[in-house]
Amino acid sequence: MAIIIGATKKQYLDDAVQAMDIHLTSKEVAYLEEPYTAHEIVGALASNPVGMLQS
């Protein structure tokens, strides 16, 4: 038996186990592995409140 850190409810563990049965196509895997391109910040954080974002 091993302690699993992070799950606070039995349902979370059940969901994690069920996720093992999900199979992605090679096209889905390729999409998820594409490099992320950062986008311009818009909305509330666009004004960069002091201490919220690095300059």
N, C-alpha and C. Protein backbone atom coordinates (compact mmCIF):
# COMPACT_ATOMS: atom_id res chain seq x y z
N MET A 1 0.85 -1.18 0.00
CA MET A 1 0.00 0.00 0.00
C MET A 1 0.89 1.24 0.00
N ALA A 2 0.45 2.27 -0.73
CA ALA A 2 1.22 3.51 -0.81
C ALA A 2 0.28 4.69 -0.63
N ILE A 3 0.79 5.74 -0.06
CA ILE A 3 0.02 6.96 0.13
C ILE A 3 0.03 7.74 -1.18
N ILE A 4 -1.14 8.20 -1.58
CA ILE A 4 -1.23 9.04 -2.78
C ILE A 4 -1.50 10.46 -2.32
N ILE A 5 -0.60 11.34 -2.63
CA ILE A 5 -0.70 12.73 -2.22
C ILE A 5 -1.51 13.51 -3.25
N GLY A 6 -2.42 14.35 -2.81
CA GLY A 6 -3.14 15.22 -3.72
C GLY A 6 -4.63 14.92 -3.82
N ALA A 7 -5.01 13.67 -3.75
CA ALA A 7 -6.42 13.34 -3.83
C ALA A 7 -7.05 13.52 -2.45
N THR A 8 -8.10 14.33 -2.39
CA THR A 8 -8.74 14.58 -1.10
C THR A 8 -10.07 13.86 -0.98
N LYS A 9 -10.50 13.22 -2.07
CA LYS A 9 -11.76 12.48 -2.05
C LYS A 9 -11.59 11.20 -2.84
N LYS A 10 -12.30 10.16 -2.45
CA LYS A 10 -12.23 8.88 -3.14
C LYS A 10 -12.59 9.04 -4.61
N GLN A 11 -13.53 9.90 -4.93
CA GLN A 11 -13.96 10.10 -6.31
C GLN A 11 -12.80 10.57 -7.19
N TYR A 12 -11.91 11.37 -6.64
CA TYR A 12 -10.76 11.85 -7.41
C TYR A 12 -9.86 10.67 -7.82
N LEU A 13 -9.68 9.73 -6.92
CA LEU A 13 -8.89 8.54 -7.24
C LEU A 13 -9.60 7.69 -8.28
N ASP A 14 -10.91 7.53 -8.12
CA ASP A 14 -11.69 6.74 -9.08
C ASP A 14 -11.59 7.37 -10.47
N ASP A 15 -11.69 8.68 -10.55
CA ASP A 15 -11.59 9.38 -11.82
C ASP A 15 -10.21 9.18 -12.45
N ALA A 16 -9.18 9.24 -11.63
CA ALA A 16 -7.81 9.08 -12.12
C ALA A 16 -7.61 7.67 -12.69
N VAL A 17 -8.15 6.68 -12.03
CA VAL A 17 -8.04 5.30 -12.51
C VAL A 17 -8.79 5.15 -13.83
N GLN A 18 -9.98 5.73 -13.92
CA GLN A 18 -10.76 5.64 -15.17
C GLN A 18 -10.04 6.34 -16.31
N ALA A 19 -9.28 7.36 -16.02
CA ALA A 19 -8.55 8.09 -17.06
C ALA A 19 -7.51 7.20 -17.74
N MET A 20 -7.10 6.13 -17.06
CA MET A 20 -6.13 5.21 -17.65
C MET A 20 -6.70 4.52 -18.89
N ASP A 21 -8.02 4.47 -19.02
CA ASP A 21 -8.65 3.81 -20.15
C ASP A 21 -8.83 4.74 -21.35
N ILE A 22 -8.43 5.99 -21.24
CA ILE A 22 -8.55 6.93 -22.34
C ILE A 22 -7.39 6.71 -23.31
N HIS A 23 -7.72 6.57 -24.58
CA HIS A 23 -6.69 6.37 -25.60
C HIS A 23 -6.79 7.51 -26.61
N LEU A 24 -5.68 8.19 -26.81
CA LEU A 24 -5.63 9.31 -27.75
C LEU A 24 -5.12 8.83 -29.10
N THR A 25 -5.63 9.45 -30.16
CA THR A 25 -5.11 9.16 -31.49
C THR A 25 -3.75 9.82 -31.64
N SER A 26 -2.99 9.41 -32.64
CA SER A 26 -1.69 10.03 -32.86
C SER A 26 -1.85 11.51 -33.20
N LYS A 27 -2.96 11.87 -33.86
CA LYS A 27 -3.23 13.27 -34.19
C LYS A 27 -3.48 14.08 -32.91
N GLU A 28 -4.22 13.51 -31.96
CA GLU A 28 -4.49 14.19 -30.68
C GLU A 28 -3.20 14.36 -29.88
N VAL A 29 -2.37 13.35 -29.86
CA VAL A 29 -1.09 13.42 -29.15
C VAL A 29 -0.21 14.50 -29.77
N ALA A 30 -0.15 14.53 -31.09
CA ALA A 30 0.67 15.53 -31.78
C ALA A 30 0.18 16.94 -31.44
N TYR A 31 -1.13 17.14 -31.41
CA TYR A 31 -1.68 18.45 -31.06
C TYR A 31 -1.29 18.85 -29.64
N LEU A 32 -1.39 17.93 -28.70
CA LEU A 32 -1.06 18.23 -27.31
C LEU A 32 0.43 18.48 -27.11
N GLU A 33 1.25 17.93 -27.98
CA GLU A 33 2.69 18.09 -27.84
C GLU A 33 3.24 19.29 -28.61
N GLU A 34 2.36 20.03 -29.31
CA GLU A 34 2.82 21.21 -30.03
C GLU A 34 3.36 22.23 -29.03
N PRO A 35 4.42 22.94 -29.43
CA PRO A 35 4.95 23.98 -28.52
C PRO A 35 3.89 25.05 -28.25
N TYR A 36 3.87 25.52 -27.04
CA TYR A 36 2.94 26.58 -26.65
C TYR A 36 3.52 27.93 -27.05
N THR A 37 2.70 28.75 -27.64
CA THR A 37 3.10 30.11 -27.99
C THR A 37 2.34 31.07 -27.09
N ALA A 38 3.07 31.84 -26.32
CA ALA A 38 2.43 32.79 -25.41
C ALA A 38 1.68 33.85 -26.21
N HIS A 39 0.56 34.29 -25.69
CA HIS A 39 -0.26 35.30 -26.32
C HIS A 39 -0.23 36.58 -25.49
N GLU A 40 -0.60 37.67 -26.12
CA GLU A 40 -0.66 38.95 -25.42
C GLU A 40 -1.65 38.86 -24.26
N ILE A 41 -1.29 39.46 -23.14
CA ILE A 41 -2.17 39.48 -21.98
C ILE A 41 -3.25 40.52 -22.20
N VAL A 42 -4.49 40.11 -21.98
CA VAL A 42 -5.63 41.02 -22.13
C VAL A 42 -6.48 40.95 -20.86
N GLY A 43 -7.34 41.92 -20.68
CA GLY A 43 -8.25 41.89 -19.54
C GLY A 43 -7.65 42.50 -18.29
N ALA A 44 -8.06 41.96 -17.15
CA ALA A 44 -7.72 42.54 -15.85
C ALA A 44 -6.21 42.59 -15.61
N LEU A 45 -5.46 41.60 -16.08
CA LEU A 45 -4.03 41.58 -15.82
C LEU A 45 -3.22 42.38 -16.83
N ALA A 46 -3.90 42.91 -17.86
CA ALA A 46 -3.18 43.65 -18.88
C ALA A 46 -2.48 44.88 -18.32
N SER A 47 -3.03 45.46 -17.26
CA SER A 47 -2.41 46.64 -16.68
C SER A 47 -1.25 46.30 -15.76
N ASN A 48 -0.97 45.01 -15.57
CA ASN A 48 0.16 44.52 -14.76
C ASN A 48 0.20 45.15 -13.38
N PRO A 49 -0.76 44.80 -12.52
CA PRO A 49 -0.73 45.32 -11.15
C PRO A 49 0.60 44.99 -10.49
N VAL A 50 1.09 45.89 -9.66
CA VAL A 50 2.38 45.74 -9.02
C VAL A 50 2.45 44.39 -8.31
N GLY A 51 3.49 43.65 -8.62
CA GLY A 51 3.72 42.37 -7.97
C GLY A 51 2.98 41.19 -8.60
N MET A 52 2.08 41.43 -9.53
CA MET A 52 1.32 40.33 -10.12
C MET A 52 2.10 39.62 -11.22
N LEU A 53 2.78 40.36 -12.06
CA LEU A 53 3.52 39.77 -13.17
C LEU A 53 4.92 40.33 -13.20
N GLN A 54 5.84 39.50 -13.67
CA GLN A 54 7.21 39.98 -13.83
C GLN A 54 7.27 40.91 -15.03
N SER A 55 8.09 41.91 -14.94
CA SER A 55 8.25 42.85 -16.07
C SER A 55 9.22 42.32 -17.07
